[in-house]
Amino acid sequence: NGAAAERLGVGPETVKSYLRSAMRKLGARTRTEAVAAARRTGWLP
């Protein structure tokens, strides 16, 4: 989260919050599940 926060210019807690929200919307419990779901739904190529 720290590296992503630095790259995006936001705080680590913001990244954590955004990630939690996206995972909830995707119905994912892990980051791996989130990536798979995002690819299935077209969020990621």
Protein backbone atom coordinates (compact mmCIF):
# COMPACT_ATOMS: atom_id res chain seq x y z
CA ASN A 1 0.00 0.00 0.00
CA GLY A 2 2.88 2.36 0.76
CA ALA A 3 4.39 2.20 -2.72
CA ALA A 4 0.99 2.66 -4.36
CA ALA A 5 0.24 5.60 -2.07
CA GLU A 6 3.53 7.28 -2.91
CA ARG A 7 3.01 6.77 -6.63
CA LEU A 8 -0.55 8.13 -6.47
CA GLY A 9 0.29 10.99 -4.12
CA VAL A 10 -2.12 9.88 -1.40
CA GLY A 11 -1.74 8.36 2.05
CA PRO A 12 -1.41 4.60 2.67
CA GLU A 13 -4.73 4.56 4.54
CA THR A 14 -6.43 6.04 1.48
CA VAL A 15 -5.07 3.23 -0.68
CA LYS A 16 -6.23 0.71 1.92
CA SER A 17 -9.72 2.23 1.93
CA TYR A 18 -9.98 2.30 -1.88
CA LEU A 19 -8.74 -1.28 -2.12
CA ARG A 20 -11.23 -2.46 0.50
CA SER A 21 -14.06 -0.73 -1.37
CA ALA A 22 -13.08 -2.21 -4.74
CA MET A 23 -12.71 -5.68 -3.23
CA ARG A 24 -16.16 -5.42 -1.64
CA LYS A 25 -17.69 -4.37 -4.98
CA LEU A 26 -15.96 -7.28 -6.72
CA GLY A 27 -16.95 -9.78 -4.02
CA ALA A 28 -13.29 -10.63 -3.41
CA ARG A 29 -11.63 -11.62 -0.14
CA THR A 30 -8.03 -11.49 -1.33
CA ARG A 31 -6.06 -9.34 -3.75
CA THR A 32 -5.68 -12.34 -6.04
CA GLU A 33 -9.45 -12.85 -6.12
CA ALA A 34 -9.86 -9.12 -6.76
CA VAL A 35 -7.53 -9.19 -9.78
CA ALA A 36 -9.31 -12.24 -11.22
CA ALA A 37 -12.73 -10.63 -10.71
CA ALA A 38 -11.55 -7.32 -12.18
CA ARG A 39 -10.34 -9.11 -15.30
CA ARG A 40 -13.61 -11.03 -15.62
CA THR A 41 -15.67 -7.84 -15.34
CA GLY A 42 -13.46 -5.84 -17.71
CA TRP A 43 -11.99 -3.50 -15.07
CA LEU A 44 -8.53 -4.79 -16.10
CA PRO A 45 -7.31 -5.95 -19.50
